[in-house]
PDB file of all heavy atoms in Angstrom:
ATOM      1  N   LYS A   1     -28.486  58.783  28.553  1.00  0.00           N
ATOM      2  CA  LYS A   1     -28.364  60.119  27.948  1.00  0.00           C
ATOM      3  C   LYS A   1     -28.273  60.024  26.422  1.00  0.00           C
ATOM      4  O   LYS A   1     -28.952  60.769  25.703  1.00  0.00           O
ATOM      5  CB  LYS A   1     -27.142  60.835  28.507  1.00  0.00           C
ATOM      6  CG  LYS A   1     -26.935  62.223  27.938  1.00  0.00           C
ATOM      7  CD  LYS A   1     -25.700  62.869  28.522  1.00  0.00           C
ATOM      8  CE  LYS A   1     -25.474  64.245  27.932  1.00  0.00           C
ATOM      9  NZ  LYS A   1     -24.255  64.862  28.480  1.00  0.00           N
ATOM     10  N   GLU A   2     -27.431  59.126  25.918  1.00  0.00           N
ATOM     11  CA  GLU A   2     -27.279  58.954  24.474  1.00  0.00           C
ATOM     12  C   GLU A   2     -28.595  58.558  23.818  1.00  0.00           C
ATOM     13  O   GLU A   2     -28.913  59.030  22.724  1.00  0.00           O
ATOM     14  CB  GLU A   2     -26.209  57.901  24.177  1.00  0.00           C
ATOM     15  CG  GLU A   2     -24.806  58.352  24.475  1.00  0.00           C
ATOM     16  CD  GLU A   2     -23.791  57.216  24.426  1.00  0.00           C
ATOM     17  OE1 GLU A   2     -24.166  56.060  24.119  1.00  0.00           O
ATOM     18  OE2 GLU A   2     -22.618  57.483  24.722  1.00  0.00           O
ATOM     19  N   THR A   3     -29.348  57.700  24.469  1.00  0.00           N
ATOM     20  CA  THR A   3     -30.637  57.275  23.921  1.00  0.00           C
ATOM     21  C   THR A   3     -31.615  58.440  23.908  1.00  0.00           C
ATOM     22  O   THR A   3     -32.364  58.615  22.944  1.00  0.00           O
ATOM     23  CB  THR A   3     -31.203  56.088  24.736  1.00  0.00           C
ATOM     24  OG1 THR A   3     -30.213  55.048  24.776  1.00  0.00           O
ATOM     25  CG2 THR A   3     -32.471  55.547  24.117  1.00  0.00           C
ATOM     26  N   GLU A   4     -31.590  59.255  24.953  1.00  0.00           N
ATOM     27  CA  GLU A   4     -32.477  60.419  25.014  1.00  0.00           C
ATOM     28  C   GLU A   4     -32.160  61.434  23.927  1.00  0.00           C
ATOM     29  O   GLU A   4     -33.053  61.965  23.287  1.00  0.00           O
ATOM     30  CB  GLU A   4     -32.380  61.097  26.384  1.00  0.00           C
ATOM     31  CG  GLU A   4     -33.062  60.342  27.493  1.00  0.00           C
ATOM     32  CD  GLU A   4     -32.960  61.047  28.838  1.00  0.00           C
ATOM     33  OE1 GLU A   4     -32.077  61.910  29.020  1.00  0.00           O
ATOM     34  OE2 GLU A   4     -33.777  60.726  29.713  1.00  0.00           O
ATOM     35  N   ILE A   5     -30.869  61.717  23.721  1.00  0.00           N
ATOM     36  CA  ILE A   5     -30.515  62.772  22.771  1.00  0.00           C
ATOM     37  C   ILE A   5     -30.470  62.272  21.329  1.00  0.00           C
ATOM     38  O   ILE A   5     -30.380  63.072  20.406  1.00  0.00           O
ATOM     39  CB  ILE A   5     -29.182  63.475  23.135  1.00  0.00           C
ATOM     40  CG1 ILE A   5     -28.017  62.515  23.126  1.00  0.00           C
ATOM     41  CG2 ILE A   5     -29.290  64.180  24.468  1.00  0.00           C
ATOM     42  CD1 ILE A   5     -26.668  63.183  23.340  1.00  0.00           C
ATOM     43  N   ASP A   6     -30.552  60.969  21.130  1.00  0.00           N
ATOM     44  CA  ASP A   6     -30.558  60.412  19.790  1.00  0.00           C
ATOM     45  C   ASP A   6     -31.686  61.020  18.949  1.00  0.00           C
ATOM     46  O   ASP A   6     -31.509  61.275  17.767  1.00  0.00           O
ATOM     47  CB  ASP A   6     -30.697  58.882  19.872  1.00  0.00           C
ATOM     48  CG  ASP A   6     -30.701  58.222  18.512  1.00  0.00           C
ATOM     49  OD1 ASP A   6     -31.742  58.278  17.838  1.00  0.00           O
ATOM     50  OD2 ASP A   6     -29.662  57.648  18.125  1.00  0.00           O
ATOM     51  N   GLY A   7     -32.836  61.235  19.557  1.00  0.00           N
ATOM     52  CA  GLY A   7     -33.962  61.829  18.857  1.00  0.00           C
ATOM     53  C   GLY A   7     -34.884  60.837  18.169  1.00  0.00           C
ATOM     54  O   GLY A   7     -35.999  61.180  17.790  1.00  0.00           O
ATOM     55  N   ALA A   8     -34.438  59.613  17.983  1.00  0.00           N
ATOM     56  CA  ALA A   8     -35.248  58.608  17.297  1.00  0.00           C
ATOM     57  C   ALA A   8     -36.204  57.887  18.241  1.00  0.00           C
ATOM     58  O   ALA A   8     -37.118  57.206  17.799  1.00  0.00           O
ATOM     59  CB  ALA A   8     -34.350  57.591  16.604  1.00  0.00           C
ATOM     60  N   TYR A   9     -35.991  58.052  19.546  1.00  0.00           N
ATOM     61  CA  TYR A   9     -36.757  57.278  20.521  1.00  0.00           C
ATOM     62  C   TYR A   9     -37.475  58.201  21.502  1.00  0.00           C
ATOM     63  O   TYR A   9     -36.943  59.229  21.891  1.00  0.00           O
ATOM     64  CB  TYR A   9     -35.825  56.343  21.303  1.00  0.00           C
ATOM     65  CG  TYR A   9     -34.969  55.494  20.403  1.00  0.00           C
ATOM     66  CD1 TYR A   9     -33.630  55.798  20.187  1.00  0.00           C
ATOM     67  CD2 TYR A   9     -35.514  54.398  19.752  1.00  0.00           C
ATOM     68  CE1 TYR A   9     -32.844  55.029  19.338  1.00  0.00           C
ATOM     69  CE2 TYR A   9     -34.736  53.624  18.902  1.00  0.00           C
ATOM     70  CZ  TYR A   9     -33.412  53.944  18.699  1.00  0.00           C
ATOM     71  OH  TYR A   9     -32.653  53.183  17.859  1.00  0.00           O
ATOM     72  N   ASN A  10     -38.689  57.793  21.882  1.00  0.00           N
ATOM     73  CA  ASN A  10     -39.372  58.537  22.937  1.00  0.00           C
ATOM     74  C   ASN A  10     -39.605  57.686  24.179  1.00  0.00           C
ATOM     75  O   ASN A  10     -40.176  58.148  25.143  1.00  0.00           O
ATOM     76  CB  ASN A  10     -40.678  59.155  22.439  1.00  0.00           C
ATOM     77  CG  ASN A  10     -41.757  58.139  22.159  1.00  0.00           C
ATOM     78  OD1 ASN A  10     -41.534  56.944  22.265  1.00  0.00           O
ATOM     79  ND2 ASN A  10     -42.926  58.612  21.787  1.00  0.00           N
ATOM     80  N   GLU A  11     -39.134  56.435  24.134  1.00  0.00           N
ATOM     81  CA  GLU A  11     -39.226  55.589  25.324  1.00  0.00           C
ATOM     82  C   GLU A  11     -38.114  54.559  25.316  1.00  0.00           C
ATOM     83  O   GLU A  11     -37.633  54.140  24.268  1.00  0.00           O
ATOM     84  CB  GLU A  11     -40.586  54.910  25.444  1.00  0.00           C
ATOM     85  CG  GLU A  11     -40.849  53.812  24.449  1.00  0.00           C
ATOM     86  CD  GLU A  11     -42.191  53.117  24.656  1.00  0.00           C
ATOM     87  OE1 GLU A  11     -42.922  53.423  25.614  1.00  0.00           O
ATOM     88  OE2 GLU A  11     -42.505  52.239  23.844  1.00  0.00           O
ATOM     89  N   ILE A  12     -37.709  54.207  26.529  1.00  0.00           N
ATOM     90  CA  ILE A  12     -36.770  53.105  26.735  1.00  0.00           C
ATOM     91  C   ILE A  12     -37.561  52.002  27.427  1.00  0.00           C
ATOM     92  O   ILE A  12     -38.237  52.249  28.429  1.00  0.00           O
ATOM     93  CB  ILE A  12     -35.578  53.517  27.617  1.00  0.00           C
ATOM     94  CG1 ILE A  12     -34.785  54.647  26.963  1.00  0.00           C
ATOM     95  CG2 ILE A  12     -34.677  52.310  27.892  1.00  0.00           C
ATOM     96  CD1 ILE A  12     -33.688  55.233  27.860  1.00  0.00           C
ATOM     97  N   ILE A  13     -37.482  50.812  26.880  1.00  0.00           N
ATOM     98  CA  ILE A  13     -38.128  49.652  27.492  1.00  0.00           C
ATOM     99  C   ILE A  13     -37.032  48.703  27.965  1.00  0.00           C
ATOM    100  O   ILE A  13     -36.189  48.278  27.175  1.00  0.00           O
ATOM    101  CB  ILE A  13     -39.067  48.930  26.510  1.00  0.00           C
ATOM    102  CG1 ILE A  13     -40.208  49.846  26.088  1.00  0.00           C
ATOM    103  CG2 ILE A  13     -39.594  47.636  27.125  1.00  0.00           C
ATOM    104  CD1 ILE A  13     -41.142  49.241  25.047  1.00  0.00           C
ATOM    105  N   PHE A  14     -37.054  48.409  29.260  1.00  0.00           N
ATOM    106  CA  PHE A  14     -36.157  47.409  29.831  1.00  0.00           C
ATOM    107  C   PHE A  14     -36.965  46.123  29.978  1.00  0.00           C
ATOM    108  O   PHE A  14     -38.051  46.142  30.569  1.00  0.00           O
ATOM    109  CB  PHE A  14     -35.659  47.843  31.209  1.00  0.00           C
ATOM    110  CG  PHE A  14     -34.683  48.985  31.180  1.00  0.00           C
ATOM    111  CD1 PHE A  14     -35.124  50.292  31.295  1.00  0.00           C
ATOM    112  CD2 PHE A  14     -33.316  48.755  31.059  1.00  0.00           C
ATOM    113  CE1 PHE A  14     -34.229  51.352  31.286  1.00  0.00           C
ATOM    114  CE2 PHE A  14     -32.417  49.805  31.041  1.00  0.00           C
ATOM    115  CZ  PHE A  14     -32.867  51.109  31.156  1.00  0.00           C
ATOM    116  N   ALA A  15     -36.458  45.020  29.466  1.00  0.00           N
ATOM    117  CA  ALA A  15     -37.157  43.734  29.542  1.00  0.00           C
ATOM    118  C   ALA A  15     -36.405  42.787  30.465  1.00  0.00           C
ATOM    119  O   ALA A  15     -35.210  42.520  30.259  1.00  0.00           O
ATOM    120  CB  ALA A  15     -37.299  43.116  28.156  1.00  0.00           C
ATOM    121  N   ILE A  16     -37.116  42.297  31.485  1.00  0.00           N
ATOM    122  CA  ILE A  16     -36.553  41.360  32.459  1.00  0.00           C
ATOM    123  C   ILE A  16     -37.321  40.043  32.333  1.00  0.00           C
ATOM    124  O   ILE A  16     -38.548  40.017  32.531  1.00  0.00           O
ATOM    125  CB  ILE A  16     -36.684  41.898  33.904  1.00  0.00           C
ATOM    126  CG1 ILE A  16     -35.982  43.252  34.039  1.00  0.00           C
ATOM    127  CG2 ILE A  16     -36.130  40.882  34.901  1.00  0.00           C
ATOM    128  CD1 ILE A  16     -36.232  43.941  35.377  1.00  0.00           C
ATOM    129  N   GLY A  17     -36.626  38.982  32.017  1.00  0.00           N
ATOM    130  CA  GLY A  17     -37.273  37.684  31.854  1.00  0.00           C
ATOM    131  C   GLY A  17     -37.578  37.018  33.183  1.00  0.00           C
ATOM    132  O   GLY A  17     -37.144  37.466  34.247  1.00  0.00           O
ATOM    133  N   GLY A  18     -38.321  35.950  33.089  1.00  0.00           N
ATOM    134  CA  GLY A  18     -38.651  35.150  34.267  1.00  0.00           C
ATOM    135  C   GLY A  18     -37.559  34.125  34.538  1.00  0.00           C
ATOM    136  O   GLY A  18     -36.405  34.296  34.139  1.00  0.00           O
ATOM    137  N   SER A  19     -37.926  33.028  35.174  1.00  0.00           N
ATOM    138  CA  SER A  19     -36.948  32.020  35.579  1.00  0.00           C
ATOM    139  C   SER A  19     -36.246  31.353  34.391  1.00  0.00           C
ATOM    140  O   SER A  19     -35.139  30.847  34.525  1.00  0.00           O
ATOM    141  CB  SER A  19     -37.613  30.958  36.455  1.00  0.00           C
ATOM    142  OG  SER A  19     -38.663  30.331  35.748  1.00  0.00           O
ATOM    143  N   ASN A  20     -36.860  31.377  33.232  1.00  0.00           N
ATOM    144  CA  ASN A  20     -36.237  30.787  32.035  1.00  0.00           C
ATOM    145  C   ASN A  20     -35.520  31.829  31.178  1.00  0.00           C
ATOM    146  O   ASN A  20     -35.108  31.532  30.065  1.00  0.00           O
ATOM    147  CB  ASN A  20     -37.289  30.065  31.191  1.00  0.00           C
ATOM    148  CG  ASN A  20     -37.858  28.862  31.898  1.00  0.00           C
ATOM    149  OD1 ASN A  20     -37.133  28.148  32.580  1.00  0.00           O
ATOM    150  ND2 ASN A  20     -39.149  28.653  31.779  1.00  0.00           N
ATOM    151  N   GLY A  21     -35.410  33.049  31.685  1.00  0.00           N
ATOM    152  CA  GLY A  21     -34.770  34.100  30.908  1.00  0.00           C
ATOM    153  C   GLY A  21     -35.708  34.669  29.858  1.00  0.00           C
ATOM    154  O   GLY A  21     -36.919  34.470  29.916  1.00  0.00           O
ATOM    155  N   LEU A  22     -35.149  35.374  28.901  1.00  0.00           N
ATOM    156  CA  LEU A  22     -35.942  35.976  27.835  1.00  0.00           C
ATOM    157  C   LEU A  22     -35.996  35.053  26.623  1.00  0.00           C
ATOM    158  O   LEU A  22     -34.990  34.434  26.268  1.00  0.00           O
ATOM    159  CB  LEU A  22     -35.336  37.318  27.418  1.00  0.00           C
ATOM    160  CG  LEU A  22     -35.454  38.441  28.434  1.00  0.00           C
ATOM    161  CD1 LEU A  22     -34.541  39.601  28.056  1.00  0.00           C
ATOM    162  CD2 LEU A  22     -36.893  38.920  28.547  1.00  0.00           C
ATOM    163  N   PRO A  23     -37.156  35.005  25.959  1.00  0.00           N
ATOM    164  CA  PRO A  23     -37.247  34.196  24.740  1.00  0.00           C
ATOM    165  C   PRO A  23     -36.315  34.734  23.645  1.00  0.00           C
ATOM    166  O   PRO A  23     -36.022  35.931  23.589  1.00  0.00           O
ATOM    167  CB  PRO A  23     -38.713  34.350  24.319  1.00  0.00           C
ATOM    168  CG  PRO A  23     -39.429  34.873  25.516  1.00  0.00           C
ATOM    169  CD  PRO A  23     -38.423  35.621  26.324  1.00  0.00           C
ATOM    170  N   ALA A  24     -35.878  33.858  22.764  1.00  0.00           N
ATOM    171  CA  ALA A  24     -34.950  34.227  21.689  1.00  0.00           C
ATOM    172  C   ALA A  24     -35.496  35.360  20.827  1.00  0.00           C
ATOM    173  O   ALA A  24     -34.744  36.257  20.442  1.00  0.00           O
ATOM    174  CB  ALA A  24     -34.646  33.005  20.827  1.00  0.00           C
ATOM    175  N   GLU A  25     -36.789  35.351  20.532  1.00  0.00           N
ATOM    176  CA  GLU A  25     -37.347  36.401  19.657  1.00  0.00           C
ATOM    177  C   GLU A  25     -37.283  37.789  20.307  1.00  0.00           C
ATOM    178  O   GLU A  25     -37.164  38.787  19.611  1.00  0.00           O
ATOM    179  CB  GLU A  25     -38.777  36.083  19.200  1.00  0.00           C
ATOM    180  CG  GLU A  25     -39.835  36.143  20.280  1.00  0.00           C
ATOM    181  CD  GLU A  25     -40.149  34.819  20.943  1.00  0.00           C
ATOM    182  OE1 GLU A  25     -39.376  33.857  20.771  1.00  0.00           O
ATOM    183  OE2 GLU A  25     -41.172  34.748  21.637  1.00  0.00           O
ATOM    184  N   ILE A  26     -37.309  37.849  21.629  1.00  0.00           N
ATOM    185  CA  ILE A  26     -37.171  39.139  22.327  1.00  0.00           C
ATOM    186  C   ILE A  26     -35.700  39.550  22.321  1.00  0.00           C
ATOM    187  O   ILE A  26     -35.373  40.708  22.055  1.00  0.00           O
ATOM    188  CB  ILE A  26     -37.700  39.047  23.780  1.00  0.00           C
ATOM    189  CG1 ILE A  26     -39.167  38.630  23.801  1.00  0.00           C
ATOM    190  CG2 ILE A  26     -37.481  40.357  24.524  1.00  0.00           C
ATOM    191  CD1 ILE A  26     -40.099  39.504  23.012  1.00  0.00           C
ATOM    192  N   ARG A  27     -34.804  38.622  22.582  1.00  0.00           N
ATOM    193  CA  ARG A  27     -33.372  38.938  22.566  1.00  0.00           C
ATOM    194  C   ARG A  27     -32.933  39.423  21.188  1.00  0.00           C
ATOM    195  O   ARG A  27     -32.101  40.306  21.072  1.00  0.00           O
ATOM    196  CB  ARG A  27     -32.555  37.722  23.010  1.00  0.00           C
ATOM    197  CG  ARG A  27     -32.790  37.365  24.479  1.00  0.00           C
ATOM    198  CD  ARG A  27     -31.777  36.374  25.046  1.00  0.00           C
ATOM    199  NE  ARG A  27     -31.350  35.321  24.161  1.00  0.00           N
ATOM    200  CZ  ARG A  27     -31.906  34.114  24.087  1.00  0.00           C
ATOM    201  NH1 ARG A  27     -32.931  33.808  24.859  1.00  0.00           N
ATOM    202  NH2 ARG A  27     -31.427  33.205  23.262  1.00  0.00           N
ATOM    203  N   GLN A  28     -33.528  38.876  20.126  1.00  0.00           N
ATOM    204  CA  GLN A  28     -33.183  39.293  18.762  1.00  0.00           C
ATOM    205  C   GLN A  28     -33.656  40.714  18.468  1.00  0.00           C
ATOM    206  O   GLN A  28     -33.046  41.412  17.663  1.00  0.00           O
ATOM    207  CB  GLN A  28     -33.777  38.325  17.748  1.00  0.00           C
ATOM    208  CG  GLN A  28     -33.110  36.967  17.756  1.00  0.00           C
ATOM    209  CD  GLN A  28     -33.857  35.935  16.943  1.00  0.00           C
ATOM    210  OE1 GLN A  28     -34.941  36.172  16.425  1.00  0.00           O
ATOM    211  NE2 GLN A  28     -33.261  34.749  16.841  1.00  0.00           N
ATOM    212  N   LYS A  29     -34.731  41.152  19.094  1.00  0.00           N
ATOM    213  CA  LYS A  29     -35.262  42.502  18.869  1.00  0.00           C
ATOM    214  C   LYS A  29     -34.530  43.561  19.694  1.00  0.00           C
ATOM    215  O   LYS A  29     -34.755  44.747  19.513  1.00  0.00           O
ATOM    216  CB  LYS A  29     -36.753  42.548  19.215  1.00  0.00           C
ATOM    217  CG  LYS A  29     -37.613  41.771  18.269  1.00  0.00           C
ATOM    218  CD  LYS A  29     -39.069  41.874  18.663  1.00  0.00           C
ATOM    219  CE  LYS A  29     -39.892  41.029  17.691  1.00  0.00           C
ATOM    220  NZ  LYS A  29     -41.310  41.249  17.833  1.00  0.00           N
ATOM    221  N   SER A  30     -33.678  43.125  20.594  1.00  0.00           N
ATOM    222  CA  SER A  30     -33.003  44.025  21.516  1.00  0.00           C
ATOM    223  C   SER A  30     -32.113  45.034  20.791  1.00  0.00           C
ATOM    224  O   SER A  30     -31.360  44.689  19.880  1.00  0.00           O
ATOM    225  CB  SER A  30     -32.157  43.202  22.490  1.00  0.00           C
ATOM    226  OG  SER A  30     -31.478  44.039  23.387  1.00  0.00           O
ATOM    227  N   ASP A  31     -32.203  46.289  21.219  1.00  0.00           N
ATOM    228  CA  ASP A  31     -31.302  47.327  20.725  1.00  0.00           C
ATOM    229  C   ASP A  31     -29.998  47.333  21.518  1.00  0.00           C
ATOM    230  O   ASP A  31     -28.973  47.788  21.032  1.00  0.00           O
ATOM    231  CB  ASP A  31     -31.972  48.707  20.827  1.00  0.00           C
ATOM    232  CG  ASP A  31     -33.165  48.821  19.902  1.00  0.00           C
ATOM    233  OD1 ASP A  31     -32.984  48.641  18.687  1.00  0.00           O
ATOM    234  OD2 ASP A  31     -34.288  49.076  20.393  1.00  0.00           O
ATOM    235  N   PHE A  32     -30.074  46.856  22.761  1.00  0.00           N
ATOM    236  CA  PHE A  32     -28.893  46.798  23.613  1.00  0.00           C
ATOM    237  C   PHE A  32     -29.085  45.688  24.634  1.00  0.00           C
ATOM    238  O   PHE A  32     -30.093  45.651  25.334  1.00  0.00           O
ATOM    239  CB  PHE A  32     -28.676  48.142  24.327  1.00  0.00           C
ATOM    240  CG  PHE A  32     -27.426  48.185  25.162  1.00  0.00           C
ATOM    241  CD1 PHE A  32     -26.179  48.305  24.567  1.00  0.00           C
ATOM    242  CD2 PHE A  32     -27.491  48.112  26.544  1.00  0.00           C
ATOM    243  CE1 PHE A  32     -25.017  48.344  25.340  1.00  0.00           C
ATOM    244  CE2 PHE A  32     -26.346  48.152  27.323  1.00  0.00           C
ATOM    245  CZ  PHE A  32     -25.112  48.270  26.717  1.00  0.00           C
ATOM    246  N   LYS A  33     -28.125  44.794  24.709  1.00  0.00           N
ATOM    247  CA  LYS A  33     -28.151  43.702  25.681  1.00  0.00           C
ATOM    248  C   LYS A  33     -27.318  44.139  26.886  1.00  0.00           C
ATOM    249  O   LYS A  33     -26.126  44.391  26.750  1.00  0.00           O
ATOM    250  CB  LYS A  33     -27.606  42.425  25.052  1.00  0.00           C
ATOM    251  CG  LYS A  33     -28.473  41.896  23.924  1.00  0.00           C
ATOM    252  CD  LYS A  33     -27.787  40.770  23.194  1.00  0.00           C
ATOM    253  CE  LYS A  33     -28.526  40.174  22.033  1.00  0.00           C
ATOM    254  NZ  LYS A  33     -29.698  40.745  21.536  1.00  0.00           N
ATOM    255  N   PHE A  34     -27.968  44.211  28.037  1.00  0.00           N
ATOM    256  CA  PHE A  34     -27.358  44.756  29.247  1.00  0.00           C
ATOM    257  C   PHE A  34     -27.273  43.685  30.324  1.00  0.00           C
ATOM    258  O   PHE A  34     -28.236  42.967  30.577  1.00  0.00           O
ATOM    259  CB  PHE A  34     -28.208  45.940  29.735  1.00  0.00           C
ATOM    260  CG  PHE A  34     -27.768  46.545  31.036  1.00  0.00           C
ATOM    261  CD1 PHE A  34     -26.462  46.935  31.238  1.00  0.00           C
ATOM    262  CD2 PHE A  34     -28.683  46.744  32.061  1.00  0.00           C
ATOM    263  CE1 PHE A  34     -26.062  47.508  32.446  1.00  0.00           C
ATOM    264  CE2 PHE A  34     -28.305  47.317  33.262  1.00  0.00           C
ATOM    265  CZ  PHE A  34     -26.988  47.702  33.461  1.00  0.00           C
ATOM    266  N   SER A  35     -26.100  43.572  30.941  1.00  0.00           N
ATOM    267  CA  SER A  35     -25.919  42.659  32.062  1.00  0.00           C
ATOM    268  C   SER A  35     -25.598  43.475  33.304  1.00  0.00           C
ATOM    269  O   SER A  35     -24.642  44.240  33.308  1.00  0.00           O
ATOM    270  CB  SER A  35     -24.773  41.679  31.779  1.00  0.00           C
ATOM    271  OG  SER A  35     -24.506  40.898  32.932  1.00  0.00           O
ATOM    272  N   MET A  36     -26.392  43.308  34.350  1.00  0.00           N
ATOM    273  CA  MET A  36     -26.104  43.994  35.610  1.00  0.00           C
ATOM    274  C   MET A  36     -25.005  43.281  36.382  1.00  0.00           C
ATOM    275  O   MET A  36     -24.392  43.871  37.254  1.00  0.00           O
ATOM    276  CB  MET A  36     -27.365  44.104  36.466  1.00  0.00           C
ATOM    277  CG  MET A  36     -28.408  45.016  35.864  1.00  0.00           C
ATOM    278  SD  MET A  36     -29.725  45.461  37.017  1.00  0.00           S
ATOM    279  CE  MET A  36     -30.466  43.882  37.376  1.00  0.00           C
ATOM    280  N   SER A  37     -24.789  42.006  36.062  1.00  0.00           N
ATOM    281  CA  SER A  37     -23.801  41.211  36.781  1.00  0.00           C
ATOM    282  C   SER A  37     -23.729  39.843  36.121  1.00  0.00           C
ATOM    283  O   SER A  37     -24.630  39.453  35.381  1.00  0.00           O
ATOM    284  CB  SER A  37     -24.239  41.060  38.240  1.00  0.00           C
ATOM    285  OG  SER A  37     -23.449  40.124  38.924  1.00  0.00           O
TER     286      SER A  37
END
């Protein structure tokens, strides 16, 4: 909801890495680091 009403964004991209996880350059670009567990 906060991302939607912020007004600066028109899309949310969730990035899920493979067996080696996400590359460092993608993690550095992250606006929010989310852990499901």
